[in-house]
Amino acid sequence: MTSKTISFTAPELLGMEIEASASTGYYDNKSEFLRDATRTLLAAKKDLRLAIACELYMKGRISLGRAVEIADVNYEEMKKLL
């Protein structure tokens, strides 16, 4: 899998928390922390995963099969959602 660098602006406290994440020993670096945080958020929010899968599919960035995988639904349910 290829990686893409993403930057964003965060409130000062959140920035300090992200920077400190590697020092805690839980993560090797802040990128690992942010990947885990994003995966945890997406796992908890099925509606967001569905919306992302639909958006990427409708823009032609992913196949129907990949949309099904991201949304964690079957093909028939995904077709109805689109």
C-alpha atoms as a PDB file:
ATOM      1  CA  MET A   1       0.000   0.000   0.000  1.00  0.00           C
ATOM      2  CA  THR A   2       1.324   3.417  -0.875  1.00  0.00           C
ATOM      3  CA  SER A   3       1.281   6.272   1.609  1.00  0.00           C
ATOM      4  CA  LYS A   4       0.175   9.858   1.153  1.00  0.00           C
ATOM      5  CA  THR A   5       1.285  12.750   3.331  1.00  0.00           C
ATOM      6  CA  ILE A   6      -1.624  14.748   4.729  1.00  0.00           C
ATOM      7  CA  SER A   7      -1.319  17.931   6.750  1.00  0.00           C
ATOM      8  CA  PHE A   8      -3.976  19.703   8.782  1.00  0.00           C
ATOM      9  CA  THR A   9      -4.411  22.493  11.281  1.00  0.00           C
ATOM     10  CA  ALA A  10      -5.283  21.483  14.840  1.00  0.00           C
ATOM     11  CA  PRO A  11      -6.084  23.449  17.982  1.00  0.00           C
ATOM     12  CA  GLU A  12      -3.000  23.928  20.161  1.00  0.00           C
ATOM     13  CA  LEU A  13      -3.970  21.354  22.811  1.00  0.00           C
ATOM     14  CA  LEU A  14      -4.780  18.682  20.232  1.00  0.00           C
ATOM     15  CA  GLY A  15      -1.461  19.384  18.518  1.00  0.00           C
ATOM     16  CA  MET A  16       0.386  18.918  21.804  1.00  0.00           C
ATOM     17  CA  GLU A  17      -1.475  15.641  22.452  1.00  0.00           C
ATOM     18  CA  ILE A  18      -0.580  14.327  19.004  1.00  0.00           C
ATOM     19  CA  GLU A  19       3.050  15.331  19.427  1.00  0.00           C
ATOM     20  CA  ALA A  20       3.177  13.621  22.850  1.00  0.00           C
ATOM     21  CA  SER A  21       1.611  10.370  21.579  1.00  0.00           C
ATOM     22  CA  ALA A  22       4.971   8.842  20.609  1.00  0.00           C
ATOM     23  CA  SER A  23       6.535   9.716  23.968  1.00  0.00           C
ATOM     24  CA  THR A  24       3.938   7.650  25.822  1.00  0.00           C
ATOM     25  CA  GLY A  25       5.333   4.371  24.536  1.00  0.00           C
ATOM     26  CA  TYR A  26       1.974   3.389  23.045  1.00  0.00           C
ATOM     27  CA  TYR A  27       3.034   4.459  19.535  1.00  0.00           C
ATOM     28  CA  ASP A  28       6.362   4.700  17.730  1.00  0.00           C
ATOM     29  CA  ASN A  29       5.499   8.041  16.122  1.00  0.00           C
ATOM     30  CA  LYS A  30       2.640  10.483  15.628  1.00  0.00           C
ATOM     31  CA  SER A  31       1.770   9.055  12.195  1.00  0.00           C
ATOM     32  CA  GLU A  32       1.110   5.643  13.757  1.00  0.00           C
ATOM     33  CA  PHE A  33      -1.071   7.328  16.392  1.00  0.00           C
ATOM     34  CA  LEU A  34      -3.075   9.253  13.784  1.00  0.00           C
ATOM     35  CA  ARG A  35      -3.593   6.119  11.642  1.00  0.00           C
ATOM     36  CA  ASP A  36      -4.881   4.239  14.681  1.00  0.00           C
ATOM     37  CA  ALA A  37      -7.130   7.145  15.723  1.00  0.00           C
ATOM     38  CA  THR A  38      -8.616   7.360  12.222  1.00  0.00           C
ATOM     39  CA  ARG A  39      -9.209   3.602  11.994  1.00  0.00           C
ATOM     40  CA  THR A  40     -10.847   3.625  15.438  1.00  0.00           C
ATOM     41  CA  LEU A  41     -13.145   6.488  14.447  1.00  0.00           C
ATOM     42  CA  LEU A  42     -14.154   4.787  11.199  1.00  0.00           C
ATOM     43  CA  ALA A  43     -14.779   1.491  12.989  1.00  0.00           C
ATOM     44  CA  ALA A  44     -17.126   3.260  15.411  1.00  0.00           C
ATOM     45  CA  LYS A  45     -19.044   5.264  12.798  1.00  0.00           C
ATOM     46  CA  LYS A  46     -20.657   2.962  10.257  1.00  0.00           C
ATOM     47  CA  ASP A  47     -22.617   5.861   8.726  1.00  0.00           C
ATOM     48  CA  LEU A  48     -19.356   7.681   8.008  1.00  0.00           C
ATOM     49  CA  ARG A  49     -17.820   4.574   6.394  1.00  0.00           C
ATOM     50  CA  LEU A  50     -20.911   4.235   4.199  1.00  0.00           C
ATOM     51  CA  ALA A  51     -20.763   7.896   3.176  1.00  0.00           C
ATOM     52  CA  ILE A  52     -17.046   7.642   2.367  1.00  0.00           C
ATOM     53  CA  ALA A  53     -17.535   4.463   0.328  1.00  0.00           C
ATOM     54  CA  CYS A  54     -20.374   6.046  -1.659  1.00  0.00           C
ATOM     55  CA  GLU A  55     -18.417   9.253  -2.253  1.00  0.00           C
ATOM     56  CA  LEU A  56     -15.296   7.445  -3.476  1.00  0.00           C
ATOM     57  CA  TYR A  57     -17.311   5.099  -5.691  1.00  0.00           C
ATOM     58  CA  MET A  58     -19.410   7.889  -7.249  1.00  0.00           C
ATOM     59  CA  LYS A  59     -16.223   9.836  -8.051  1.00  0.00           C
ATOM     60  CA  GLY A  60     -14.803   6.755  -9.781  1.00  0.00           C
ATOM     61  CA  ARG A  61     -11.902   6.445  -7.348  1.00  0.00           C
ATOM     62  CA  ILE A  62     -12.778   2.904  -6.202  1.00  0.00           C
ATOM     63  CA  SER A  63     -14.614  -0.129  -7.574  1.00  0.00           C
ATOM     64  CA  LEU A  64     -17.942  -1.412  -6.292  1.00  0.00           C
ATOM     65  CA  GLY A  65     -16.081  -4.288  -4.632  1.00  0.00           C
ATOM     66  CA  ARG A  66     -13.822  -1.892  -2.749  1.00  0.00           C
ATOM     67  CA  ALA A  67     -16.850   0.216  -1.738  1.00  0.00           C
ATOM     68  CA  VAL A  68     -18.479  -2.932  -0.339  1.00  0.00           C
ATOM     69  CA  GLU A  69     -15.302  -3.657   1.625  1.00  0.00           C
ATOM     70  CA  ILE A  70     -15.027  -0.121   3.036  1.00  0.00           C
ATOM     71  CA  ALA A  71     -18.721   0.073   3.935  1.00  0.00           C
ATOM     72  CA  ASP A  72     -18.735  -3.482   5.335  1.00  0.00           C
ATOM     73  CA  VAL A  73     -22.005  -4.368   3.581  1.00  0.00           C
ATOM     74  CA  ASN A  74     -22.945  -6.885   0.903  1.00  0.00           C
ATOM     75  CA  TYR A  75     -23.182  -6.032  -2.807  1.00  0.00           C
ATOM     76  CA  GLU A  76     -26.966  -5.765  -2.855  1.00  0.00           C
ATOM     77  CA  GLU A  77     -27.051  -3.387   0.104  1.00  0.00           C
ATOM     78  CA  MET A  78     -24.315  -1.257  -1.445  1.00  0.00           C
ATOM     79  CA  LYS A  79     -26.200  -1.031  -4.741  1.00  0.00           C
ATOM     80  CA  LYS A  80     -29.288   0.208  -2.862  1.00  0.00           C
ATOM     81  CA  LEU A  81     -27.226   2.826  -1.052  1.00  0.00           C
ATOM     82  CA  LEU A  82     -25.808   4.175  -4.301  1.00  0.00           C
END
